[in-house]
Amino acid sequence: MQDLEKIVNFVTKTNWLLLIATSSLALMTTPTKVSLGVLLGGLIVAINFQLLKKTVVNNFRPDVVSEKGGSFIGNILVKYYIRFVISGGLIFLLISNHIVHPLGLLAGLSVVVASMFLATMLELTRLFFKEAV
């Protein structure tokens, strides 16, 4: 379980670092709407991931599971879909009102995917080198 927690914490930290790095790079190299899209897209997914992590950690404690029984899964799913609808609404408003460029927003929304990819590659590298030794 500690390995899983380390991976989730790595992804969480990497989300914020990639958000800062990609937003800074976009600000220096792209038009304002694109760089704003990268920043806002990254913020949407990084905050959503942070809230999902908090929800899962709070609801999978042994005292909560024994108290609520099977209903805690419903609680997690309801919160997940509420966040999903809010995120979708924000993305719709940002694109439909021409506040951001869609490709910049897509790049920002990819921050969590990139963090998970990095975590996977590092974990696979660690696993292969551990077996090789």
C-alpha atoms as a PDB file:
ATOM      1  CA  MET A   1       0.000   0.000   0.000  1.00  0.00           C
ATOM      2  CA  GLN A   2       2.901   2.347   0.661  1.00  0.00           C
ATOM      3  CA  ASP A   3       4.074   1.995  -2.956  1.00  0.00           C
ATOM      4  CA  LEU A   4       0.635   3.012  -4.180  1.00  0.00           C
ATOM      5  CA  GLU A   5       0.609   6.041  -1.886  1.00  0.00           C
ATOM      6  CA  LYS A   6       4.062   7.035  -3.145  1.00  0.00           C
ATOM      7  CA  ILE A   7       2.868   6.821  -6.745  1.00  0.00           C
ATOM      8  CA  VAL A   8      -0.260   8.877  -6.059  1.00  0.00           C
ATOM      9  CA  ASN A   9       1.776  11.495  -4.194  1.00  0.00           C
ATOM     10  CA  PHE A  10       4.285  11.577  -7.053  1.00  0.00           C
ATOM     11  CA  VAL A  11       1.494  12.110  -9.585  1.00  0.00           C
ATOM     12  CA  THR A  12      -0.030  14.860  -7.434  1.00  0.00           C
ATOM     13  CA  LYS A  13       3.263  16.743  -7.114  1.00  0.00           C
ATOM     14  CA  THR A  14       4.119  16.215 -10.770  1.00  0.00           C
ATOM     15  CA  ASN A  15       0.709  17.588 -11.809  1.00  0.00           C
ATOM     16  CA  TRP A  16       1.523  20.929 -10.206  1.00  0.00           C
ATOM     17  CA  LEU A  17       5.107  20.995 -11.473  1.00  0.00           C
ATOM     18  CA  LEU A  18       4.038  20.191 -15.040  1.00  0.00           C
ATOM     19  CA  LEU A  19       1.278  22.782 -14.806  1.00  0.00           C
ATOM     20  CA  ILE A  20       3.792  25.456 -13.819  1.00  0.00           C
ATOM     21  CA  ALA A  21       6.303  24.352 -16.462  1.00  0.00           C
ATOM     22  CA  THR A  22       3.838  24.070 -19.341  1.00  0.00           C
ATOM     23  CA  SER A  23       2.053  27.299 -18.437  1.00  0.00           C
ATOM     24  CA  SER A  24       5.357  29.165 -18.250  1.00  0.00           C
ATOM     25  CA  LEU A  25       6.516  27.735 -21.560  1.00  0.00           C
ATOM     26  CA  ALA A  26       3.178  28.509 -23.200  1.00  0.00           C
ATOM     27  CA  LEU A  27       3.201  32.053 -21.821  1.00  0.00           C
ATOM     28  CA  MET A  28       6.614  32.690 -23.373  1.00  0.00           C
ATOM     29  CA  THR A  29       5.957  31.044 -26.748  1.00  0.00           C
ATOM     30  CA  THR A  30       2.267  31.173 -27.626  1.00  0.00           C
ATOM     31  CA  PRO A  31      -0.521  33.753 -27.949  1.00  0.00           C
ATOM     32  CA  THR A  32      -2.469  34.743 -24.845  1.00  0.00           C
ATOM     33  CA  LYS A  33      -5.537  32.578 -25.553  1.00  0.00           C
ATOM     34  CA  VAL A  34      -3.426  29.462 -25.999  1.00  0.00           C
ATOM     35  CA  SER A  35      -1.359  30.033 -22.862  1.00  0.00           C
ATOM     36  CA  LEU A  36      -4.521  30.831 -20.889  1.00  0.00           C
ATOM     37  CA  GLY A  37      -5.993  27.576 -22.195  1.00  0.00           C
ATOM     38  CA  VAL A  38      -2.954  25.632 -21.001  1.00  0.00           C
ATOM     39  CA  LEU A  39      -3.150  27.264 -17.579  1.00  0.00           C
ATOM     40  CA  LEU A  40      -6.904  26.849 -17.091  1.00  0.00           C
ATOM     41  CA  GLY A  41      -6.985  23.307 -18.489  1.00  0.00           C
ATOM     42  CA  GLY A  42      -4.159  22.298 -16.191  1.00  0.00           C
ATOM     43  CA  LEU A  43      -5.862  23.913 -13.217  1.00  0.00           C
ATOM     44  CA  ILE A  44      -9.139  22.119 -13.950  1.00  0.00           C
ATOM     45  CA  VAL A  45      -7.566  18.653 -14.048  1.00  0.00           C
ATOM     46  CA  ALA A  46      -5.050  19.223 -11.243  1.00  0.00           C
ATOM     47  CA  ILE A  47      -7.750  20.443  -8.863  1.00  0.00           C
ATOM     48  CA  ASN A  48     -10.075  17.648  -9.971  1.00  0.00           C
ATOM     49  CA  PHE A  49      -7.340  15.062  -9.309  1.00  0.00           C
ATOM     50  CA  GLN A  50      -6.599  16.611  -5.909  1.00  0.00           C
ATOM     51  CA  LEU A  51     -10.285  16.461  -4.941  1.00  0.00           C
ATOM     52  CA  LEU A  52     -10.581  12.869  -6.173  1.00  0.00           C
ATOM     53  CA  LYS A  53      -7.549  11.899  -4.083  1.00  0.00           C
ATOM     54  CA  LYS A  54      -9.072  13.575  -1.017  1.00  0.00           C
ATOM     55  CA  THR A  55     -12.427  11.852  -1.562  1.00  0.00           C
ATOM     56  CA  VAL A  56     -10.860   8.411  -1.945  1.00  0.00           C
ATOM     57  CA  VAL A  57      -8.539   8.832   1.050  1.00  0.00           C
ATOM     58  CA  ASN A  58     -11.357  10.070   3.293  1.00  0.00           C
ATOM     59  CA  ASN A  59     -13.810   7.350   2.261  1.00  0.00           C
ATOM     60  CA  PHE A  60     -11.521   4.311   2.330  1.00  0.00           C
ATOM     61  CA  ARG A  61     -10.578   4.550   5.984  1.00  0.00           C
ATOM     62  CA  PRO A  62     -11.580   1.413   7.919  1.00  0.00           C
ATOM     63  CA  ASP A  63     -13.893   3.326  10.286  1.00  0.00           C
ATOM     64  CA  VAL A  64     -15.777   4.918   7.373  1.00  0.00           C
ATOM     65  CA  VAL A  65     -16.104   1.629   5.479  1.00  0.00           C
ATOM     66  CA  SER A  66     -17.435  -0.247   8.513  1.00  0.00           C
ATOM     67  CA  GLU A  67     -19.827   2.593   9.384  1.00  0.00           C
ATOM     68  CA  LYS A  68     -21.278   3.214   5.927  1.00  0.00           C
ATOM     69  CA  GLY A  69     -21.018  -0.269   4.475  1.00  0.00           C
ATOM     70  CA  GLY A  70     -21.648  -0.386   0.739  1.00  0.00           C
ATOM     71  CA  SER A  71     -22.997   3.155   0.531  1.00  0.00           C
ATOM     72  CA  PHE A  72     -19.532   4.719   0.540  1.00  0.00           C
ATOM     73  CA  ILE A  73     -19.049   3.651  -3.104  1.00  0.00           C
ATOM     74  CA  GLY A  74     -22.184   5.583  -4.024  1.00  0.00           C
ATOM     75  CA  ASN A  75     -20.834   8.591  -2.151  1.00  0.00           C
ATOM     76  CA  ILE A  76     -17.575   8.470  -4.118  1.00  0.00           C
ATOM     77  CA  LEU A  77     -19.396   8.082  -7.435  1.00  0.00           C
ATOM     78  CA  VAL A  78     -21.786  10.954  -6.734  1.00  0.00           C
ATOM     79  CA  LYS A  79     -18.887  13.286  -5.911  1.00  0.00           C
ATOM     80  CA  TYR A  80     -17.017  12.063  -8.994  1.00  0.00           C
ATOM     81  CA  TYR A  81     -19.940  12.792 -11.325  1.00  0.00           C
ATOM     82  CA  ILE A  82     -20.568  16.188  -9.746  1.00  0.00           C
ATOM     83  CA  ARG A  83     -16.922  17.101 -10.407  1.00  0.00           C
ATOM     84  CA  PHE A  84     -17.216  15.674 -13.920  1.00  0.00           C
ATOM     85  CA  VAL A  85     -20.276  17.803 -14.721  1.00  0.00           C
ATOM     86  CA  ILE A  86     -18.691  20.943 -13.261  1.00  0.00           C
ATOM     87  CA  SER A  87     -15.474  20.338 -15.219  1.00  0.00           C
ATOM     88  CA  GLY A  88     -17.433  19.729 -18.409  1.00  0.00           C
ATOM     89  CA  GLY A  89     -19.443  22.903 -17.850  1.00  0.00           C
ATOM     90  CA  LEU A  90     -16.286  24.945 -17.279  1.00  0.00           C
ATOM     91  CA  ILE A  91     -14.677  23.535 -20.415  1.00  0.00           C
ATOM     92  CA  PHE A  92     -17.827  24.258 -22.422  1.00  0.00           C
ATOM     93  CA  LEU A  93     -17.983  27.848 -21.178  1.00  0.00           C
ATOM     94  CA  LEU A  94     -14.289  28.450 -21.845  1.00  0.00           C
ATOM     95  CA  ILE A  95     -14.531  27.199 -25.425  1.00  0.00           C
ATOM     96  CA  SER A  96     -17.986  28.528 -26.351  1.00  0.00           C
ATOM     97  CA  ASN A  97     -17.219  32.055 -25.113  1.00  0.00           C
ATOM     98  CA  HIS A  98     -13.859  32.002 -26.962  1.00  0.00           C
ATOM     99  CA  ILE A  99     -11.936  32.680 -23.755  1.00  0.00           C
ATOM    100  CA  VAL A 100      -9.279  30.075 -24.561  1.00  0.00           C
ATOM    101  CA  HIS A 101      -7.975  28.296 -27.633  1.00  0.00           C
ATOM    102  CA  PRO A 102      -9.201  24.665 -27.704  1.00  0.00           C
ATOM    103  CA  LEU A 103      -5.743  23.234 -28.452  1.00  0.00           C
ATOM    104  CA  GLY A 104      -4.218  25.123 -25.527  1.00  0.00           C
ATOM    105  CA  LEU A 105      -6.999  23.829 -23.299  1.00  0.00           C
ATOM    106  CA  LEU A 106      -6.384  20.293 -24.548  1.00  0.00           C
ATOM    107  CA  ALA A 107      -2.679  20.644 -23.770  1.00  0.00           C
ATOM    108  CA  GLY A 108      -3.522  21.831 -20.257  1.00  0.00           C
ATOM    109  CA  LEU A 109      -6.001  19.019 -19.730  1.00  0.00           C
ATOM    110  CA  SER A 110      -3.219  16.552 -20.569  1.00  0.00           C
ATOM    111  CA  VAL A 111      -1.184  17.457 -17.484  1.00  0.00           C
ATOM    112  CA  VAL A 112      -2.526  14.583 -15.377  1.00  0.00           C
ATOM    113  CA  VAL A 113      -2.059  12.122 -18.235  1.00  0.00           C
ATOM    114  CA  ALA A 114       1.564  13.207 -18.593  1.00  0.00           C
ATOM    115  CA  SER A 115       2.080  12.875 -14.825  1.00  0.00           C
ATOM    116  CA  MET A 116       0.653   9.362 -14.820  1.00  0.00           C
ATOM    117  CA  PHE A 117       2.797   8.441 -17.816  1.00  0.00           C
ATOM    118  CA  LEU A 118       5.917   9.692 -16.015  1.00  0.00           C
ATOM    119  CA  ALA A 119       4.985   7.775 -12.868  1.00  0.00           C
ATOM    120  CA  THR A 120       4.434   4.612 -14.907  1.00  0.00           C
ATOM    121  CA  MET A 121       7.747   4.948 -16.705  1.00  0.00           C
ATOM    122  CA  LEU A 122       9.645   5.564 -13.464  1.00  0.00           C
ATOM    123  CA  GLU A 123       7.956   2.632 -11.746  1.00  0.00           C
ATOM    124  CA  LEU A 124       8.657   0.300 -14.684  1.00  0.00           C
ATOM    125  CA  THR A 125      12.281   1.455 -14.764  1.00  0.00           C
ATOM    126  CA  ARG A 126      12.602   0.825 -11.037  1.00  0.00           C
ATOM    127  CA  LEU A 127      10.996  -2.604 -11.412  1.00  0.00           C
ATOM    128  CA  PHE A 128      13.247  -3.674 -14.314  1.00  0.00           C
ATOM    129  CA  PHE A 129      16.448  -2.474 -12.668  1.00  0.00           C
ATOM    130  CA  LYS A 130      15.445  -4.096  -9.395  1.00  0.00           C
ATOM    131  CA  GLU A 131      15.014  -7.457 -11.153  1.00  0.00           C
ATOM    132  CA  ALA A 132      18.248  -7.034 -13.123  1.00  0.00           C
ATOM    133  CA  VAL A 133      20.333  -6.666  -9.967  1.00  0.00           C
END
